[in-house]
């Protein structure tokens, strides 16, 4: 498991960036991908688990809105336009005392007048819980499903 501590804003979180020369075009337009992980939120002052709101709509304010961890995928196309997917699909209600199962599917966008399907780079980031909580993540993976 990985624990991310001392966050100052909700968007501070674990992430990875992938450039075109690293993934070599393995994300064709229209391909579907499943993201899975297990998450816990912990109050660092008490070391106890914390409850949160699963799959809320909208964006949290900069310090937090009691959101559970969400996975954001930031895509940049060949023309440097940004597309963002925010995933927040949990398999059950949040339980502060255990790891919570996260699973979501998203699709890489196809060509349109506003999007070039040639991906320049993308970032995957875990974010959105209140800034004063630690995020613990386990078993994260992303796999093509279609």
N, C-alpha and C. Protein backbone atom coordinates (compact mmCIF):
# COMPACT_ATOMS: atom_id res chain seq x y z
N UNK A 1 0.84 -1.18 0.00
CA UNK A 1 0.00 0.00 0.00
C UNK A 1 0.89 1.24 0.00
N UNK A 2 0.34 2.33 -0.51
CA UNK A 2 1.02 3.61 -0.57
C UNK A 2 0.20 4.62 0.21
N UNK A 3 0.85 5.38 1.08
CA UNK A 3 0.16 6.39 1.87
C UNK A 3 0.67 7.77 1.47
N UNK A 4 -0.26 8.66 1.15
CA UNK A 4 0.10 10.02 0.77
C UNK A 4 -0.35 10.97 1.88
N UNK A 5 0.63 11.66 2.48
CA UNK A 5 0.39 12.49 3.67
C UNK A 5 0.74 13.95 3.41
N UNK A 6 0.38 14.79 4.37
CA UNK A 6 0.73 16.22 4.37
C UNK A 6 0.28 16.93 3.11
N UNK A 7 -0.95 16.67 2.72
CA UNK A 7 -1.54 17.31 1.56
C UNK A 7 -2.00 18.71 1.93
N UNK A 8 -1.83 19.68 1.03
CA UNK A 8 -2.25 21.05 1.34
C UNK A 8 -3.50 21.48 0.59
N UNK A 9 -3.89 20.74 -0.46
CA UNK A 9 -5.09 21.01 -1.24
C UNK A 9 -5.70 19.68 -1.68
N UNK A 10 -6.98 19.71 -2.07
CA UNK A 10 -7.64 18.47 -2.48
C UNK A 10 -6.99 17.85 -3.71
N UNK A 11 -6.39 18.65 -4.57
CA UNK A 11 -5.79 18.11 -5.78
C UNK A 11 -4.38 17.55 -5.55
N UNK A 12 -3.88 17.68 -4.34
CA UNK A 12 -2.61 17.00 -4.01
C UNK A 12 -2.90 15.52 -3.86
N UNK A 13 -2.24 14.72 -4.67
CA UNK A 13 -2.48 13.29 -4.59
C UNK A 13 -1.44 12.51 -5.37
N UNK A 14 -1.54 11.22 -5.30
CA UNK A 14 -0.63 10.32 -6.00
C UNK A 14 -0.95 10.38 -7.48
N UNK A 15 0.08 10.43 -8.31
CA UNK A 15 -0.17 10.47 -9.74
C UNK A 15 1.00 9.95 -10.54
N UNK A 16 0.72 9.70 -11.81
CA UNK A 16 1.76 9.28 -12.75
C UNK A 16 1.47 9.93 -14.09
N UNK A 17 2.52 10.42 -14.73
CA UNK A 17 2.39 10.98 -16.06
C UNK A 17 3.01 10.04 -17.08
N UNK A 18 2.37 9.93 -18.23
CA UNK A 18 2.85 9.03 -19.27
C UNK A 18 2.94 9.81 -20.58
N UNK A 19 4.13 9.87 -21.17
CA UNK A 19 4.30 10.57 -22.43
C UNK A 19 4.17 9.61 -23.60
N UNK A 20 3.96 10.16 -24.78
CA UNK A 20 3.73 9.33 -25.97
C UNK A 20 4.86 8.34 -26.21
N UNK A 21 6.10 8.76 -26.00
CA UNK A 21 7.20 7.84 -26.27
C UNK A 21 7.27 6.70 -25.25
N UNK A 22 6.52 6.79 -24.17
CA UNK A 22 6.50 5.71 -23.17
C UNK A 22 5.39 4.70 -23.43
N UNK A 23 4.24 5.16 -23.91
CA UNK A 23 3.14 4.21 -24.10
C UNK A 23 2.97 3.80 -25.56
N UNK A 24 3.65 4.49 -26.47
CA UNK A 24 3.74 4.08 -27.87
C UNK A 24 2.38 3.83 -28.52
N UNK A 25 1.40 4.68 -28.21
CA UNK A 25 0.12 4.61 -28.89
C UNK A 25 -0.76 3.44 -28.52
N UNK A 26 -0.59 2.85 -27.36
CA UNK A 26 -1.38 1.67 -26.99
C UNK A 26 -2.79 2.04 -26.50
N UNK A 27 -3.16 3.29 -26.65
CA UNK A 27 -4.49 3.75 -26.22
C UNK A 27 -5.27 4.28 -27.42
N UNK A 28 -5.69 3.39 -28.32
CA UNK A 28 -6.38 3.85 -29.53
C UNK A 28 -7.73 4.49 -29.20
N UNK A 29 -8.18 5.41 -30.08
CA UNK A 29 -9.49 6.04 -29.88
C UNK A 29 -10.58 4.99 -29.75
N UNK A 30 -11.47 5.19 -28.79
CA UNK A 30 -12.57 4.27 -28.57
C UNK A 30 -12.23 3.07 -27.70
N UNK A 31 -10.96 2.91 -27.35
CA UNK A 31 -10.61 1.78 -26.48
C UNK A 31 -11.13 2.04 -25.07
N UNK A 32 -11.60 0.99 -24.42
CA UNK A 32 -12.15 1.10 -23.06
C UNK A 32 -11.17 0.51 -22.07
N UNK A 33 -11.05 1.18 -20.92
CA UNK A 33 -10.09 0.80 -19.89
C UNK A 33 -10.76 0.75 -18.54
N UNK A 34 -10.40 -0.25 -17.77
CA UNK A 34 -10.91 -0.38 -16.41
C UNK A 34 -9.81 0.06 -15.44
N UNK A 35 -10.20 0.88 -14.48
CA UNK A 35 -9.29 1.31 -13.42
C UNK A 35 -9.79 0.69 -12.13
N UNK A 36 -8.89 0.02 -11.42
CA UNK A 36 -9.23 -0.61 -10.14
C UNK A 36 -8.23 -0.17 -9.09
N UNK A 37 -8.72 -0.07 -7.87
CA UNK A 37 -7.85 0.25 -6.73
C UNK A 37 -8.63 -0.01 -5.45
N UNK A 38 -7.91 0.05 -4.35
CA UNK A 38 -8.53 -0.01 -3.02
C UNK A 38 -8.04 1.21 -2.26
N UNK A 39 -8.99 1.93 -1.61
CA UNK A 39 -8.64 3.17 -0.92
C UNK A 39 -9.13 3.19 0.52
N UNK A 40 -8.38 3.90 1.34
CA UNK A 40 -8.80 4.26 2.71
C UNK A 40 -8.44 5.72 2.92
N UNK A 41 -9.18 6.38 3.77
CA UNK A 41 -8.84 7.72 4.24
C UNK A 41 -8.58 7.63 5.73
N UNK A 42 -7.51 8.31 6.18
CA UNK A 42 -7.12 8.24 7.58
C UNK A 42 -6.86 9.66 8.10
N UNK A 43 -7.35 9.94 9.28
CA UNK A 43 -7.03 11.18 9.97
C UNK A 43 -5.64 11.01 10.58
N UNK A 44 -4.65 11.78 10.13
CA UNK A 44 -3.28 11.56 10.62
C UNK A 44 -3.09 11.89 12.11
N UNK A 45 -4.00 12.65 12.69
CA UNK A 45 -3.85 12.98 14.12
C UNK A 45 -4.34 11.86 15.02
N UNK A 46 -5.28 11.03 14.52
CA UNK A 46 -5.83 9.95 15.33
C UNK A 46 -5.51 8.56 14.78
N UNK A 47 -5.07 8.50 13.52
CA UNK A 47 -4.82 7.24 12.81
C UNK A 47 -6.09 6.41 12.63
N UNK A 48 -7.24 7.05 12.73
CA UNK A 48 -8.52 6.36 12.53
C UNK A 48 -9.04 6.63 11.12
N UNK A 49 -9.79 5.65 10.60
CA UNK A 49 -10.42 5.80 9.30
C UNK A 49 -11.48 6.89 9.32
N UNK A 50 -11.74 7.46 8.15
CA UNK A 50 -12.66 8.59 8.01
C UNK A 50 -13.69 8.27 6.94
N UNK A 51 -14.93 8.68 7.17
CA UNK A 51 -15.98 8.54 6.17
C UNK A 51 -15.90 9.66 5.15
N UNK A 52 -16.54 9.44 4.00
CA UNK A 52 -16.55 10.44 2.93
C UNK A 52 -17.77 10.21 2.06
N UNK A 53 -17.99 11.14 1.10
CA UNK A 53 -19.12 11.04 0.17
C UNK A 53 -18.66 10.34 -1.10
N UNK A 54 -19.31 9.24 -1.45
CA UNK A 54 -18.98 8.46 -2.64
C UNK A 54 -19.63 9.09 -3.86
N UNK A 55 -18.84 9.24 -4.91
CA UNK A 55 -19.31 9.70 -6.24
C UNK A 55 -20.18 10.96 -6.20
N UNK A 56 -19.73 12.01 -5.54
CA UNK A 56 -20.51 13.24 -5.58
C UNK A 56 -20.38 13.91 -6.94
N UNK A 57 -21.34 14.76 -7.28
CA UNK A 57 -21.24 15.53 -8.52
C UNK A 57 -20.45 16.79 -8.24
N UNK A 58 -19.84 17.33 -9.27
CA UNK A 58 -19.15 18.60 -9.16
C UNK A 58 -17.73 18.47 -8.66
N UNK A 59 -17.15 19.63 -8.40
CA UNK A 59 -15.76 19.71 -7.94
C UNK A 59 -15.74 20.12 -6.48
N UNK A 60 -14.79 19.59 -5.72
CA UNK A 60 -14.66 20.02 -4.32
C UNK A 60 -14.04 21.41 -4.26
N UNK A 61 -14.27 22.13 -3.16
CA UNK A 61 -13.53 23.37 -3.01
C UNK A 61 -12.08 23.02 -2.69
N UNK A 62 -11.19 24.00 -2.67
CA UNK A 62 -9.76 23.70 -2.60
C UNK A 62 -9.33 23.02 -1.31
N UNK A 63 -10.09 23.12 -0.23
CA UNK A 63 -9.73 22.46 1.02
C UNK A 63 -10.47 21.15 1.21
N UNK A 64 -11.58 20.97 0.50
CA UNK A 64 -12.30 19.71 0.57
C UNK A 64 -13.79 19.87 0.74
N UNK A 65 -14.50 18.84 0.35
CA UNK A 65 -15.95 18.81 0.45
C UNK A 65 -16.42 17.44 0.89
N UNK A 66 -15.59 16.75 1.67
CA UNK A 66 -15.89 15.41 2.18
C UNK A 66 -16.02 14.37 1.08
N UNK A 67 -15.33 14.58 -0.06
CA UNK A 67 -15.37 13.62 -1.15
C UNK A 67 -14.47 12.43 -0.85
N UNK A 68 -14.85 11.27 -1.34
CA UNK A 68 -13.97 10.10 -1.32
C UNK A 68 -12.93 10.26 -2.42
N UNK A 69 -11.84 9.51 -2.36
CA UNK A 69 -10.84 9.60 -3.42
C UNK A 69 -11.46 9.29 -4.78
N UNK A 70 -11.10 10.10 -5.75
CA UNK A 70 -11.52 9.86 -7.13
C UNK A 70 -10.26 9.78 -7.99
N UNK A 71 -10.37 9.09 -9.11
CA UNK A 71 -9.26 8.98 -10.05
C UNK A 71 -9.57 9.91 -11.21
N UNK A 72 -8.66 10.84 -11.46
CA UNK A 72 -8.80 11.75 -12.61
C UNK A 72 -7.78 11.36 -13.66
N UNK A 73 -8.23 11.36 -14.91
CA UNK A 73 -7.36 11.07 -16.04
C UNK A 73 -7.36 12.31 -16.92
N UNK A 74 -6.19 12.90 -17.05
CA UNK A 74 -6.00 14.11 -17.84
C UNK A 74 -5.30 13.73 -19.14
N UNK A 75 -5.97 13.98 -20.26
CA UNK A 75 -5.41 13.66 -21.58
C UNK A 75 -5.07 14.95 -22.32
N UNK A 76 -3.94 14.94 -23.00
CA UNK A 76 -3.57 16.04 -23.91
C UNK A 76 -3.49 15.46 -25.31
N UNK A 77 -4.17 16.13 -26.25
CA UNK A 77 -4.10 15.63 -27.62
C UNK A 77 -2.92 16.27 -28.36
N UNK A 78 -2.77 15.91 -29.62
CA UNK A 78 -1.66 16.39 -30.44
C UNK A 78 -1.64 17.92 -30.50
N UNK A 79 -2.81 18.55 -30.41
CA UNK A 79 -2.91 20.01 -30.48
C UNK A 79 -2.88 20.67 -29.11
N UNK A 80 -2.54 19.88 -28.08
CA UNK A 80 -2.38 20.34 -26.69
C UNK A 80 -3.72 20.69 -26.02
N UNK A 81 -4.83 20.21 -26.56
CA UNK A 81 -6.12 20.39 -25.89
C UNK A 81 -6.24 19.38 -24.75
N UNK A 82 -6.93 19.78 -23.70
CA UNK A 82 -7.07 18.96 -22.50
C UNK A 82 -8.45 18.34 -22.41
N UNK A 83 -8.49 17.06 -22.11
CA UNK A 83 -9.75 16.34 -21.82
C UNK A 83 -9.56 15.68 -20.47
N UNK A 84 -10.55 15.80 -19.59
CA UNK A 84 -10.44 15.23 -18.25
C UNK A 84 -11.60 14.28 -17.98
N UNK A 85 -11.26 13.12 -17.44
CA UNK A 85 -12.25 12.15 -16.97
C UNK A 85 -12.08 12.07 -15.46
N UNK A 86 -13.16 12.21 -14.70
CA UNK A 86 -13.10 12.04 -13.25
C UNK A 86 -13.96 10.84 -12.90
N UNK A 87 -13.32 9.83 -12.33
CA UNK A 87 -13.97 8.56 -12.04
C UNK A 87 -14.15 8.42 -10.53
N UNK A 88 -15.33 7.99 -10.10
CA UNK A 88 -15.58 7.85 -8.67
C UNK A 88 -16.48 6.68 -8.33
N UNK A 89 -16.29 5.57 -8.99
CA UNK A 89 -17.20 4.44 -8.84
C UNK A 89 -16.70 3.43 -7.80
N UNK A 90 -17.39 3.39 -6.68
CA UNK A 90 -17.07 2.42 -5.63
C UNK A 90 -18.08 1.29 -5.70
N UNK A 91 -17.66 0.11 -5.30
CA UNK A 91 -18.49 -1.09 -5.43
C UNK A 91 -19.52 -1.22 -4.32
N UNK A 92 -19.28 -0.57 -3.19
CA UNK A 92 -20.21 -0.59 -2.06
C UNK A 92 -20.16 0.78 -1.37
N UNK A 93 -20.99 0.95 -0.36
CA UNK A 93 -20.94 2.16 0.44
C UNK A 93 -19.57 2.25 1.13
N UNK A 94 -19.09 3.45 1.35
CA UNK A 94 -17.78 3.66 1.98
C UNK A 94 -17.79 3.15 3.41
N UNK A 95 -16.74 2.44 3.79
CA UNK A 95 -16.57 1.95 5.15
C UNK A 95 -15.23 2.48 5.65
N UNK A 96 -15.25 3.32 6.67
CA UNK A 96 -14.05 3.98 7.17
C UNK A 96 -13.03 3.01 7.76
N UNK A 97 -13.42 1.80 8.08
CA UNK A 97 -12.55 0.86 8.79
C UNK A 97 -11.81 -0.14 7.91
N UNK A 98 -12.10 -0.14 6.60
CA UNK A 98 -11.48 -1.11 5.70
C UNK A 98 -11.07 -0.42 4.39
N UNK A 99 -10.32 -1.16 3.57
CA UNK A 99 -10.05 -0.67 2.22
C UNK A 99 -11.35 -0.78 1.41
N UNK A 100 -11.64 0.23 0.61
CA UNK A 100 -12.85 0.29 -0.19
C UNK A 100 -12.51 0.04 -1.66
N UNK A 101 -13.29 -0.84 -2.28
CA UNK A 101 -13.04 -1.27 -3.66
C UNK A 101 -13.54 -0.22 -4.65
N UNK A 102 -12.64 0.22 -5.50
CA UNK A 102 -12.94 1.19 -6.54
C UNK A 102 -12.80 0.50 -7.89
N UNK A 103 -13.78 0.70 -8.77
CA UNK A 103 -13.69 0.15 -10.11
C UNK A 103 -14.50 1.02 -11.05
N UNK A 104 -13.87 1.46 -12.13
CA UNK A 104 -14.54 2.32 -13.09
C UNK A 104 -13.99 2.05 -14.48
N UNK A 105 -14.81 2.29 -15.49
CA UNK A 105 -14.41 2.10 -16.88
C UNK A 105 -14.54 3.44 -17.60
N UNK A 106 -13.54 3.77 -18.43
CA UNK A 106 -13.63 4.97 -19.26
C UNK A 106 -13.16 4.64 -20.66
N UNK A 107 -13.49 5.53 -21.60
CA UNK A 107 -13.16 5.31 -23.00
C UNK A 107 -12.31 6.46 -23.52
N UNK A 108 -11.21 6.13 -24.20
CA UNK A 108 -10.41 7.17 -24.82
C UNK A 108 -11.23 7.78 -25.96
N UNK A 109 -11.29 9.11 -26.04
CA UNK A 109 -12.16 9.76 -27.02
C UNK A 109 -11.70 9.56 -28.46
N UNK A 110 -12.68 9.58 -29.35
CA UNK A 110 -12.41 9.51 -30.77
C UNK A 110 -12.27 10.90 -31.36
N UNK A 111 -12.06 10.96 -32.65
CA UNK A 111 -11.86 12.24 -33.34
C UNK A 111 -13.15 13.05 -33.37
N UNK A 112 -13.00 14.35 -33.22
CA UNK A 112 -14.11 15.28 -33.36
C UNK A 112 -13.53 16.64 -33.76
N UNK A 113 -14.38 17.61 -33.97
CA UNK A 113 -13.88 18.95 -34.31
C UNK A 113 -13.15 19.58 -33.14
N UNK A 114 -13.36 19.07 -31.93
CA UNK A 114 -12.71 19.62 -30.73
C UNK A 114 -11.62 18.72 -30.17
N UNK A 115 -11.36 17.58 -30.84
CA UNK A 115 -10.40 16.64 -30.26
C UNK A 115 -9.65 15.88 -31.35
N UNK A 116 -8.33 15.85 -31.24
CA UNK A 116 -7.48 15.04 -32.11
C UNK A 116 -7.17 13.76 -31.34
N UNK A 117 -7.54 12.59 -31.85
CA UNK A 117 -7.39 11.36 -31.07
C UNK A 117 -5.94 10.91 -30.86
N UNK A 118 -4.99 11.62 -31.46
CA UNK A 118 -3.59 11.27 -31.21
C UNK A 118 -3.18 11.88 -29.87
N UNK A 119 -3.01 11.02 -28.86
CA UNK A 119 -2.71 11.47 -27.50
C UNK A 119 -1.24 11.85 -27.40
N UNK A 120 -0.98 13.05 -26.91
CA UNK A 120 0.40 13.51 -26.69
C UNK A 120 0.93 12.96 -25.36
N UNK A 121 0.11 13.06 -24.32
CA UNK A 121 0.47 12.50 -23.02
C UNK A 121 -0.78 12.41 -22.16
N UNK A 122 -0.67 11.68 -21.07
CA UNK A 122 -1.78 11.65 -20.12
C UNK A 122 -1.25 11.46 -18.71
N UNK A 123 -2.06 11.92 -17.76
CA UNK A 123 -1.73 11.81 -16.34
C UNK A 123 -2.89 11.12 -15.64
N UNK A 124 -2.57 10.25 -14.73
CA UNK A 124 -3.56 9.58 -13.89
C UNK A 124 -3.27 10.03 -12.47
N UNK A 125 -4.31 10.51 -11.79
CA UNK A 125 -4.09 11.09 -10.47
C UNK A 125 -5.23 10.72 -9.52
N UNK A 126 -4.86 10.40 -8.27
CA UNK A 126 -5.83 10.16 -7.21
C UNK A 126 -5.95 11.46 -6.43
N UNK A 127 -7.17 11.98 -6.32
CA UNK A 127 -7.35 13.29 -5.69
C UNK A 127 -8.76 13.45 -5.13
N UNK A 128 -9.03 14.60 -4.55
CA UNK A 128 -10.33 15.10 -4.10
C UNK A 128 -10.72 14.95 -2.64
N UNK A 129 -10.15 14.04 -1.82
CA UNK A 129 -10.56 14.05 -0.41
C UNK A 129 -10.09 15.33 0.29
N UNK A 130 -10.69 15.61 1.42
CA UNK A 130 -10.27 16.78 2.20
C UNK A 130 -8.75 16.80 2.34
N UNK A 131 -8.19 17.98 2.28
CA UNK A 131 -6.73 18.14 2.25
C UNK A 131 -6.02 17.68 3.51
N UNK A 132 -6.72 17.65 4.62
CA UNK A 132 -6.07 17.30 5.89
C UNK A 132 -6.12 15.80 6.19
N UNK A 133 -6.56 14.99 5.23
CA UNK A 133 -6.62 13.54 5.40
C UNK A 133 -5.53 12.85 4.59
N UNK A 134 -5.06 11.73 5.09
CA UNK A 134 -4.11 10.91 4.35
C UNK A 134 -4.88 9.93 3.46
N UNK A 135 -4.38 9.75 2.24
CA UNK A 135 -4.96 8.79 1.30
C UNK A 135 -4.07 7.55 1.32
N UNK A 136 -4.68 6.39 1.53
CA UNK A 136 -3.94 5.13 1.43
C UNK A 136 -4.52 4.37 0.24
N UNK A 137 -3.62 3.99 -0.68
CA UNK A 137 -4.03 3.33 -1.91
C UNK A 137 -3.33 1.98 -2.00
N UNK A 138 -4.06 0.96 -2.46
CA UNK A 138 -3.50 -0.37 -2.63
C UNK A 138 -4.04 -0.97 -3.92
N UNK A 139 -3.26 -1.83 -4.55
CA UNK A 139 -3.68 -2.62 -5.71
C UNK A 139 -4.22 -1.79 -6.87
N UNK A 140 -3.57 -0.68 -7.18
CA UNK A 140 -4.01 0.15 -8.32
C UNK A 140 -3.56 -0.49 -9.62
N UNK A 141 -4.49 -0.57 -10.58
CA UNK A 141 -4.10 -0.95 -11.93
C UNK A 141 -5.11 -0.46 -12.95
N UNK A 142 -4.64 -0.38 -14.19
CA UNK A 142 -5.46 0.07 -15.31
C UNK A 142 -5.27 -0.96 -16.42
N UNK A 143 -6.39 -1.49 -16.93
CA UNK A 143 -6.32 -2.58 -17.92
C UNK A 143 -7.32 -2.34 -19.04
N UNK A 144 -6.88 -2.59 -20.26
CA UNK A 144 -7.78 -2.46 -21.41
C UNK A 144 -8.80 -3.58 -21.39
N UNK A 145 -10.09 -3.20 -21.56
CA UNK A 145 -11.16 -4.20 -21.53
C UNK A 145 -11.92 -4.29 -22.86
N UNK A 146 -11.71 -3.34 -23.77
CA UNK A 146 -12.35 -3.40 -25.10
C UNK A 146 -11.67 -2.43 -26.05
